Amino acid sequence: MAMDLKALAQQVAQAQPFTQHLGAELLSAKPGEGAFALEVRPEFYQHLGMVHGGVITALLDNALTFAGGTVLGAEVLTVEFKVNFLRPAKG
């Protein structure tokens, strides 16, 4: 029987208080892939009016972990990643 990967990933996302606090939404989960989005709220901006890099990297952390989890199982944690911002996120 094929497992409904997105349903399982959604269940895991809903069990994460931080992900829920951000309001992050799981868009897709396929073997080796994971995608999240969120509605930008006023408290996500830094002093120059751009989305704080911590919010962006939190989404990236979730996407990376969920992508790994789809092939390695639910007990996966991020160990390390690097981000190079190309331009500010404004909304």
PDB file of N, CA and C in Angstrom:
ATOM      1  N   MET A   1       0.847  -1.179   0.000  1.00  0.00           N
ATOM      2  CA  MET A   1       0.000   0.000   0.000  1.00  0.00           C
ATOM      3  C   MET A   1       0.894   1.244   0.000  1.00  0.00           C
ATOM      4  N   ALA A   2       0.643   2.149  -0.900  1.00  0.00           N
ATOM      5  CA  ALA A   2       1.434   3.376  -0.993  1.00  0.00           C
ATOM      6  C   ALA A   2       1.058   4.334   0.142  1.00  0.00           C
ATOM      7  N   MET A   3       2.068   4.918   0.739  1.00  0.00           N
ATOM      8  CA  MET A   3       1.854   5.864   1.822  1.00  0.00           C
ATOM      9  C   MET A   3       1.535   7.239   1.233  1.00  0.00           C
ATOM     10  N   ASP A   4       0.571   7.940   1.831  1.00  0.00           N
ATOM     11  CA  ASP A   4       0.255   9.301   1.414  1.00  0.00           C
ATOM     12  C   ASP A   4       1.289  10.221   2.069  1.00  0.00           C
ATOM     13  N   LEU A   5       2.331  10.518   1.326  1.00  0.00           N
ATOM     14  CA  LEU A   5       3.469  11.265   1.859  1.00  0.00           C
ATOM     15  C   LEU A   5       3.086  12.668   2.308  1.00  0.00           C
ATOM     16  N   LYS A   6       2.278  13.350   1.529  1.00  0.00           N
ATOM     17  CA  LYS A   6       1.893  14.710   1.914  1.00  0.00           C
ATOM     18  C   LYS A   6       1.057  14.703   3.193  1.00  0.00           C
ATOM     19  N   ALA A   7       0.157  13.741   3.337  1.00  0.00           N
ATOM     20  CA  ALA A   7      -0.659  13.658   4.553  1.00  0.00           C
ATOM     21  C   ALA A   7       0.226  13.410   5.775  1.00  0.00           C
ATOM     22  N   LEU A   8       1.201  12.537   5.646  1.00  0.00           N
ATOM     23  CA  LEU A   8       2.130  12.275   6.752  1.00  0.00           C
ATOM     24  C   LEU A   8       2.950  13.521   7.070  1.00  0.00           C
ATOM     25  N   ALA A   9       3.461  14.179   6.041  1.00  0.00           N
ATOM     26  CA  ALA A   9       4.252  15.397   6.240  1.00  0.00           C
ATOM     27  C   ALA A   9       3.400  16.486   6.895  1.00  0.00           C
ATOM     28  N   GLN A  10       2.148  16.595   6.492  1.00  0.00           N
ATOM     29  CA  GLN A  10       1.240  17.579   7.079  1.00  0.00           C
ATOM     30  C   GLN A  10       1.037  17.292   8.558  1.00  0.00           C
ATOM     31  N   GLN A  11       0.906  16.027   8.904  1.00  0.00           N
ATOM     32  CA  GLN A  11       0.740  15.625  10.306  1.00  0.00           C
ATOM     33  C   GLN A  11       1.973  16.027  11.125  1.00  0.00           C
ATOM     34  N   VAL A  12       3.148  15.821  10.567  1.00  0.00           N
ATOM     35  CA  VAL A  12       4.388  16.205  11.252  1.00  0.00           C
ATOM     36  C   VAL A  12       4.456  17.727  11.398  1.00  0.00           C
ATOM     37  N   ALA A  13       4.135  18.466  10.347  1.00  0.00           N
ATOM     38  CA  ALA A  13       4.175  19.934  10.396  1.00  0.00           C
ATOM     39  C   ALA A  13       3.214  20.467  11.463  1.00  0.00           C
ATOM     40  N   GLN A  14       2.045  19.861  11.571  1.00  0.00           N
ATOM     41  CA  GLN A  14       1.070  20.312  12.560  1.00  0.00           C
ATOM     42  C   GLN A  14       1.483  19.986  13.988  1.00  0.00           C
ATOM     43  N   ALA A  15       2.415  19.064  14.143  1.00  0.00           N
ATOM     44  CA  ALA A  15       2.907  18.691  15.470  1.00  0.00           C
ATOM     45  C   ALA A  15       4.090  19.549  15.914  1.00  0.00           C
ATOM     46  N   GLN A  16       4.517  20.494  15.088  1.00  0.00           N
ATOM     47  CA  GLN A  16       5.660  21.352  15.410  1.00  0.00           C
ATOM     48  C   GLN A  16       5.166  22.721  15.866  1.00  0.00           C
ATOM     49  N   PRO A  17       5.265  23.022  17.159  1.00  0.00           N
ATOM     50  CA  PRO A  17       4.783  24.313  17.650  1.00  0.00           C
ATOM     51  C   PRO A  17       5.414  25.519  16.952  1.00  0.00           C
ATOM     52  N   PHE A  18       6.698  25.478  16.653  1.00  0.00           N
ATOM     53  CA  PHE A  18       7.353  26.625  16.024  1.00  0.00           C
ATOM     54  C   PHE A  18       6.819  26.861  14.616  1.00  0.00           C
ATOM     55  N   THR A  19       6.653  25.792  13.866  1.00  0.00           N
ATOM     56  CA  THR A  19       6.103  25.892  12.515  1.00  0.00           C
ATOM     57  C   THR A  19       4.695  26.478  12.565  1.00  0.00           C
ATOM     58  N   GLN A  20       3.910  26.032  13.521  1.00  0.00           N
ATOM     59  CA  GLN A  20       2.553  26.555  13.688  1.00  0.00           C
ATOM     60  C   GLN A  20       2.577  28.023  14.102  1.00  0.00           C
ATOM     61  N   HIS A  21       3.505  28.392  14.983  1.00  0.00           N
ATOM     62  CA  HIS A  21       3.629  29.783  15.435  1.00  0.00           C
ATOM     63  C   HIS A  21       3.942  30.718  14.259  1.00  0.00           C
ATOM     64  N   LEU A  22       4.801  30.267  13.373  1.00  0.00           N
ATOM     65  CA  LEU A  22       5.126  31.059  12.181  1.00  0.00           C
ATOM     66  C   LEU A  22       3.935  31.151  11.226  1.00  0.00           C
ATOM     67  N   GLY A  23       3.078  30.163  11.267  1.00  0.00           N
ATOM     68  CA  GLY A  23       1.990  30.104  10.301  1.00  0.00           C
ATOM     69  C   GLY A  23       2.445  29.493   8.992  1.00  0.00           C
ATOM     70  N   ALA A  24       3.541  28.725   9.032  1.00  0.00           N
ATOM     71  CA  ALA A  24       4.071  28.106   7.822  1.00  0.00           C
ATOM     72  C   ALA A  24       3.112  27.041   7.309  1.00  0.00           C
ATOM     73  N   GLU A  25       2.941  27.009   6.004  1.00  0.00           N
ATOM     74  CA  GLU A  25       2.038  26.066   5.359  1.00  0.00           C
ATOM     75  C   GLU A  25       2.844  25.122   4.476  1.00  0.00           C
ATOM     76  N   LEU A  26       2.624  23.845   4.670  1.00  0.00           N
ATOM     77  CA  LEU A  26       3.258  22.848   3.817  1.00  0.00           C
ATOM     78  C   LEU A  26       2.564  22.860   2.458  1.00  0.00           C
ATOM     79  N   LEU A  27       3.312  23.173   1.411  1.00  0.00           N
ATOM     80  CA  LEU A  27       2.743  23.220   0.062  1.00  0.00           C
ATOM     81  C   LEU A  27       2.821  21.876  -0.641  1.00  0.00           C
ATOM     82  N   SER A  28       3.955  21.206  -0.470  1.00  0.00           N
ATOM     83  CA  SER A  28       4.119  19.913  -1.129  1.00  0.00           C
ATOM     84  C   SER A  28       5.151  19.077  -0.401  1.00  0.00           C
ATOM     85  N   ALA A  29       5.013  17.785  -0.552  1.00  0.00           N
ATOM     86  CA  ALA A  29       5.984  16.825  -0.024  1.00  0.00           C
ATOM     87  C   ALA A  29       6.003  15.639  -0.977  1.00  0.00           C
ATOM     88  N   LYS A  30       7.146  15.459  -1.625  1.00  0.00           N
ATOM     89  CA  LYS A  30       7.363  14.354  -2.548  1.00  0.00           C
ATOM     90  C   LYS A  30       8.705  13.741  -2.176  1.00  0.00           C
ATOM     91  N   PRO A  31       9.010  12.547  -2.622  1.00  0.00           N
ATOM     92  CA  PRO A  31      10.305  11.964  -2.284  1.00  0.00           C
ATOM     93  C   PRO A  31      11.462  12.910  -2.617  1.00  0.00           C
ATOM     94  N   GLY A  32      12.181  13.319  -1.601  1.00  0.00           N
ATOM     95  CA  GLY A  32      13.321  14.207  -1.768  1.00  0.00           C
ATOM     96  C   GLY A  32      12.974  15.669  -1.922  1.00  0.00           C
ATOM     97  N   GLU A  33      11.703  16.024  -1.735  1.00  0.00           N
ATOM     98  CA  GLU A  33      11.269  17.414  -1.895  1.00  0.00           C
ATOM     99  C   GLU A  33      10.336  17.828  -0.766  1.00  0.00           C
ATOM    100  N   GLY A  34      10.405  19.103  -0.427  1.00  0.00           N
ATOM    101  CA  GLY A  34       9.473  19.680   0.535  1.00  0.00           C
ATOM    102  C   GLY A  34       9.395  21.172   0.272  1.00  0.00           C
ATOM    103  N   ALA A  35       8.195  21.734   0.335  1.00  0.00           N
ATOM    104  CA  ALA A  35       8.036  23.169   0.080  1.00  0.00           C
ATOM    105  C   ALA A  35       7.085  23.766   1.109  1.00  0.00           C
ATOM    106  N   PHE A  36       7.472  24.912   1.640  1.00  0.00           N
ATOM    107  CA  PHE A  36       6.682  25.645   2.617  1.00  0.00           C
ATOM    108  C   PHE A  36       6.492  27.078   2.149  1.00  0.00           C
ATOM    109  N   ALA A  37       5.451  27.708   2.638  1.00  0.00           N
ATOM    110  CA  ALA A  37       5.200  29.130   2.405  1.00  0.00           C
ATOM    111  C   ALA A  37       4.560  29.695   3.668  1.00  0.00           C
ATOM    112  N   LEU A  38       4.562  31.004   3.772  1.00  0.00           N
ATOM    113  CA  LEU A  38       3.845  31.645   4.870  1.00  0.00           C
ATOM    114  C   LEU A  38       3.407  33.030   4.456  1.00  0.00           C
ATOM    115  N   GLU A  39       2.370  33.501   5.115  1.00  0.00           N
ATOM    116  CA  GLU A  39       1.921  34.863   4.902  1.00  0.00           C
ATOM    117  C   GLU A  39       2.795  35.766   5.755  1.00  0.00           C
ATOM    118  N   VAL A  40       3.380  36.769   5.137  1.00  0.00           N
ATOM    119  CA  VAL A  40       4.265  37.668   5.860  1.00  0.00           C
ATOM    120  C   VAL A  40       3.429  38.587   6.751  1.00  0.00           C
ATOM    121  N   ARG A  41       3.741  38.557   8.034  1.00  0.00           N
ATOM    122  CA  ARG A  41       3.044  39.389   9.017  1.00  0.00           C
ATOM    123  C   ARG A  41       3.972  40.526   9.436  1.00  0.00           C
ATOM    124  N   PRO A  42       3.405  41.609   9.979  1.00  0.00           N
ATOM    125  CA  PRO A  42       4.224  42.772  10.359  1.00  0.00           C
ATOM    126  C   PRO A  42       5.388  42.432  11.288  1.00  0.00           C
ATOM    127  N   GLU A  43       5.207  41.476  12.175  1.00  0.00           N
ATOM    128  CA  GLU A  43       6.279  41.146  13.119  1.00  0.00           C
ATOM    129  C   GLU A  43       7.437  40.389  12.478  1.00  0.00           C
ATOM    130  N   PHE A  44       7.323  40.035  11.200  1.00  0.00           N
ATOM    131  CA  PHE A  44       8.401  39.345  10.499  1.00  0.00           C
ATOM    132  C   PHE A  44       9.404  40.307   9.864  1.00  0.00           C
ATOM    133  N   TYR A  45       9.115  41.597   9.891  1.00  0.00           N
ATOM    134  CA  TYR A  45       9.998  42.581   9.266  1.00  0.00           C
ATOM    135  C   TYR A  45      11.084  43.040  10.226  1.00  0.00           C
ATOM    136  N   GLN A  46      12.229  43.369   9.673  1.00  0.00           N
ATOM    137  CA  GLN A  46      13.287  43.973  10.474  1.00  0.00           C
ATOM    138  C   GLN A  46      13.202  45.496  10.306  1.00  0.00           C
ATOM    139  N   HIS A  47      14.119  46.215  10.882  1.00  0.00           N
ATOM    140  CA  HIS A  47      14.038  47.679  10.965  1.00  0.00           C
ATOM    141  C   HIS A  47      14.102  48.408   9.624  1.00  0.00           C
ATOM    142  N   LEU A  48      14.565  47.751   8.567  1.00  0.00           N
ATOM    143  CA  LEU A  48      14.637  48.385   7.249  1.00  0.00           C
ATOM    144  C   LEU A  48      13.440  48.044   6.366  1.00  0.00           C
ATOM    145  N   GLY A  49      12.460  47.359   6.935  1.00  0.00           N
ATOM    146  CA  GLY A  49      11.247  47.048   6.198  1.00  0.00           C
ATOM    147  C   GLY A  49      11.331  45.805   5.334  1.00  0.00           C
ATOM    148  N   MET A  50      12.308  44.954   5.592  1.00  0.00           N
ATOM    149  CA  MET A  50      12.451  43.717   4.840  1.00  0.00           C
ATOM    150  C   MET A  50      12.208  42.538   5.777  1.00  0.00           C
ATOM    151  N   VAL A  51      11.782  41.420   5.199  1.00  0.00           N
ATOM    152  CA  VAL A  51      11.537  40.236   6.005  1.00  0.00           C
ATOM    153  C   VAL A  51      12.855  39.790   6.640  1.00  0.00           C
ATOM    154  N   HIS A  52      12.819  39.526   7.934  1.00  0.00           N
ATOM    155  CA  HIS A  52      14.007  39.109   8.677  1.00  0.00           C
ATOM    156  C   HIS A  52      14.542  37.791   8.113  1.00  0.00           C
ATOM    157  N   GLY A  53      15.853  37.712   7.974  1.00  0.00           N
ATOM    158  CA  GLY A  53      16.482  36.505   7.442  1.00  0.00           C
ATOM    159  C   GLY A  53      16.186  35.268   8.260  1.00  0.00           C
ATOM    160  N   GLY A  54      15.941  35.433   9.554  1.00  0.00           N
ATOM    161  CA  GLY A  54      15.604  34.287  10.397  1.00  0.00           C
ATOM    162  C   GLY A  54      14.291  33.640   9.999  1.00  0.00           C
ATOM    163  N   VAL A  55      13.349  34.434   9.545  1.00  0.00           N
ATOM    164  CA  VAL A  55      12.065  33.891   9.082  1.00  0.00           C
ATOM    165  C   VAL A  55      12.284  33.088   7.799  1.00  0.00           C
ATOM    166  N   ILE A  56      13.068  33.636   6.905  1.00  0.00           N
ATOM    167  CA  ILE A  56      13.352  32.959   5.635  1.00  0.00           C
ATOM    168  C   ILE A  56      14.102  31.654   5.884  1.00  0.00           C
ATOM    169  N   THR A  57      15.099  31.702   6.751  1.00  0.00           N
ATOM    170  CA  THR A  57      15.869  30.480   7.001  1.00  0.00           C
ATOM    171  C   THR A  57      15.063  29.455   7.795  1.00  0.00           C
ATOM    172  N   ALA A  58      14.090  29.895   8.586  1.00  0.00           N
ATOM    173  CA  ALA A  58      13.209  28.934   9.256  1.00  0.00           C
ATOM    174  C   ALA A  58      12.403  28.145   8.231  1.00  0.00           C
ATOM    175  N   LEU A  59      11.915  28.827   7.202  1.00  0.00           N
ATOM    176  CA  LEU A  59      11.206  28.125   6.122  1.00  0.00           C
ATOM    177  C   LEU A  59      12.147  27.162   5.397  1.00  0.00           C
ATOM    178  N   LEU A  60      13.362  27.628   5.130  1.00  0.00           N
ATOM    179  CA  LEU A  60      14.347  26.783   4.460  1.00  0.00           C
ATOM    180  C   LEU A  60      14.683  25.560   5.314  1.00  0.00           C
ATOM    181  N   ASP A  61      14.860  25.764   6.605  1.00  0.00           N
ATOM    182  CA  ASP A  61      15.150  24.651   7.514  1.00  0.00           C
ATOM    183  C   ASP A  61      14.035  23.611   7.445  1.00  0.00           C
ATOM    184  N   ASN A  62      12.795  24.061   7.488  1.00  0.00           N
ATOM    185  CA  ASN A  62      11.672  23.121   7.386  1.00  0.00           C
ATOM    186  C   ASN A  62      11.684  22.387   6.052  1.00  0.00           C
ATOM    187  N   ALA A  63      11.875  23.111   4.955  1.00  0.00           N
ATOM    188  CA  ALA A  63      11.865  22.481   3.637  1.00  0.00           C
ATOM    189  C   ALA A  63      12.974  21.433   3.512  1.00  0.00           C
ATOM    190  N   LEU A  64      14.168  21.779   3.997  1.00  0.00           N
ATOM    191  CA  LEU A  64      15.288  20.832   3.939  1.00  0.00           C
ATOM    192  C   LEU A  64      15.016  19.587   4.770  1.00  0.00           C
ATOM    193  N   THR A  65      14.515  19.795   5.974  1.00  0.00           N
ATOM    194  CA  THR A  65      14.256  18.675   6.867  1.00  0.00           C
ATOM    195  C   THR A  65      13.142  17.783   6.320  1.00  0.00           C
ATOM    196  N   PHE A  66      12.088  18.407   5.805  1.00  0.00           N
ATOM    197  CA  PHE A  66      11.002  17.609   5.259  1.00  0.00           C
ATOM    198  C   PHE A  66      11.448  16.868   3.999  1.00  0.00           C
ATOM    199  N   ALA A  67      12.262  17.488   3.166  1.00  0.00           N
ATOM    200  CA  ALA A  67      12.783  16.798   1.980  1.00  0.00           C
ATOM    201  C   ALA A  67      13.587  15.567   2.404  1.00  0.00           C
ATOM    202  N   GLY A  68      14.443  15.738   3.399  1.00  0.00           N
ATOM    203  CA  GLY A  68      15.207  14.597   3.909  1.00  0.00           C
ATOM    204  C   GLY A  68      14.311  13.548   4.534  1.00  0.00           C
ATOM    205  N   GLY A  69      13.313  14.007   5.284  1.00  0.00           N
ATOM    206  CA  GLY A  69      12.406  13.083   5.950  1.00  0.00           C
ATOM    207  C   GLY A  69      11.598  12.228   4.999  1.00  0.00           C
ATOM    208  N   THR A  70      11.337  12.736   3.797  1.00  0.00           N
ATOM    209  CA  THR A  70      10.556  11.949   2.838  1.00  0.00           C
ATOM    210  C   THR A  70      11.314  10.720   2.336  1.00  0.00           C
ATOM    211  N   VAL A  71      12.631  10.741   2.475  1.00  0.00           N
ATOM    212  CA  VAL A  71      13.410   9.577   2.046  1.00  0.00           C
ATOM    213  C   VAL A  71      14.110   8.863   3.202  1.00  0.00           C
ATOM    214  N   LEU A  72      14.345   9.573   4.307  1.00  0.00           N
ATOM    215  CA  LEU A  72      15.069   8.981   5.433  1.00  0.00           C
ATOM    216  C   LEU A  72      14.189   8.635   6.619  1.00  0.00           C
ATOM    217  N   GLY A  73      12.952   9.098   6.625  1.00  0.00           N
ATOM    218  CA  GLY A  73      12.046   8.860   7.748  1.00  0.00           C
ATOM    219  C   GLY A  73      11.885  10.114   8.590  1.00  0.00           C
ATOM    220  N   ALA A  74      10.887  10.092   9.452  1.00  0.00           N
ATOM    221  CA  ALA A  74      10.478  11.276  10.211  1.00  0.00           C
ATOM    222  C   ALA A  74      11.487  11.729  11.270  1.00  0.00           C
ATOM    223  N   GLU A  75      12.409  10.893  11.656  1.00  0.00           N
ATOM    224  CA  GLU A  75      13.368  11.239  12.720  1.00  0.00           C
ATOM    225  C   GLU A  75      14.611  11.927  12.157  1.00  0.00           C
ATOM    226  N   VAL A  76      14.413  12.942  11.331  1.00  0.00           N
ATOM    227  CA  VAL A  76      15.510  13.661  10.678  1.00  0.00           C
ATOM    228  C   VAL A  76      15.607  15.060  11.262  1.00  0.00           C
ATOM    229  N   LEU A  77      16.822  15.523  11.465  1.00  0.00           N
ATOM    230  CA  LEU A  77      17.085  16.884  11.935  1.00  0.00           C
ATOM    231  C   LEU A  77      18.089  17.551  11.007  1.00  0.00           C
ATOM    232  N   THR A  78      17.979  18.863  10.887  1.00  0.00           N
ATOM    233  CA  THR A  78      18.972  19.607  10.123  1.00  0.00           C
ATOM    234  C   THR A  78      20.258  19.683  10.932  1.00  0.00           C
ATOM    235  N   VAL A  79      21.371  19.420  10.289  1.00  0.00           N
ATOM    236  CA  VAL A  79      22.665  19.512  10.941  1.00  0.00           C
ATOM    237  C   VAL A  79      23.353  20.816  10.566  1.00  0.00           C
ATOM    238  N   GLU A  80      23.268  21.175   9.290  1.00  0.00           N
ATOM    239  CA  GLU A  80      23.961  22.377   8.833  1.00  0.00           C
ATOM    240  C   GLU A  80      23.406  22.788   7.474  1.00  0.00           C
ATOM    241  N   PHE A  81      23.359  24.084   7.236  1.00  0.00           N
ATOM    242  CA  PHE A  81      23.083  24.601   5.906  1.00  0.00           C
ATOM    243  C   PHE A  81      23.588  26.030   5.835  1.00  0.00           C
ATOM    244  N   LYS A  82      23.789  26.495   4.620  1.00  0.00           N
ATOM    245  CA  LYS A  82      24.286  27.848   4.393  1.00  0.00           C
ATOM    246  C   LYS A  82      23.328  28.561   3.448  1.00  0.00           C
ATOM    247  N   VAL A  83      23.098  29.830   3.721  1.00  0.00           N
ATOM    248  CA  VAL A  83      22.206  30.624   2.887  1.00  0.00           C
ATOM    249  C   VAL A  83      22.963  31.829   2.356  1.00  0.00           C
ATOM    250  N   ASN A  84      22.847  32.067   1.072  1.00  0.00           N
ATOM    251  CA  ASN A  84      23.333  33.298   0.445  1.00  0.00           C
ATOM    252  C   ASN A  84      22.106  34.041  -0.057  1.00  0.00           C
ATOM    253  N   PHE A  85      21.805  35.166   0.568  1.00  0.00           N
ATOM    254  CA  PHE A  85      20.649  35.960   0.151  1.00  0.00           C
ATOM    255  C   PHE A  85      20.998  36.733  -1.110  1.00  0.00           C
ATOM    256  N   LEU A  86      20.154  36.640  -2.115  1.00  0.00           N
ATOM    257  CA  LEU A  86      20.379  37.330  -3.383  1.00  0.00           C
ATOM    258  C   LEU A  86      19.803  38.741  -3.390  1.00  0.00           C
ATOM    259  N   ARG A  87      18.706  38.916  -2.658  1.00  0.00           N
ATOM    260  CA  ARG A  87      18.078  40.232  -2.525  1.00  0.00           C
ATOM    261  C   ARG A  87      17.135  40.185  -1.328  1.00  0.00           C
ATOM    262  N   PRO A  88      16.773  41.340  -0.806  1.00  0.00           N
ATOM    263  CA  PRO A  88      15.867  41.360   0.352  1.00  0.00           C
ATOM    264  C   PRO A  88      14.476  40.878  -0.009  1.00  0.00           C
ATOM    265  N   ALA A  89      13.812  40.243   0.958  1.00  0.00           N
ATOM    266  CA  ALA A  89      12.409  39.849   0.792  1.00  0.00           C
ATOM    267  C   ALA A  89      11.557  40.979   1.369  1.00  0.00           C
ATOM    268  N   LYS A  90      10.665  41.477   0.562  1.00  0.00           N
ATOM    269  CA  LYS A  90       9.852  42.609   1.002  1.00  0.00           C
ATOM    270  C   LYS A  90       8.380  42.261   1.148  1.00  0.00           C
ATOM    271  N   GLY A  91       8.010  41.047   0.968  1.00  0.00           N
ATOM    272  CA  GLY A  91       6.603  40.680   1.113  1.00  0.00           C
ATOM    273  C   GLY A  91       6.340  39.302   0.582  1.00  0.00           C
TER     274      GLY A  91
END
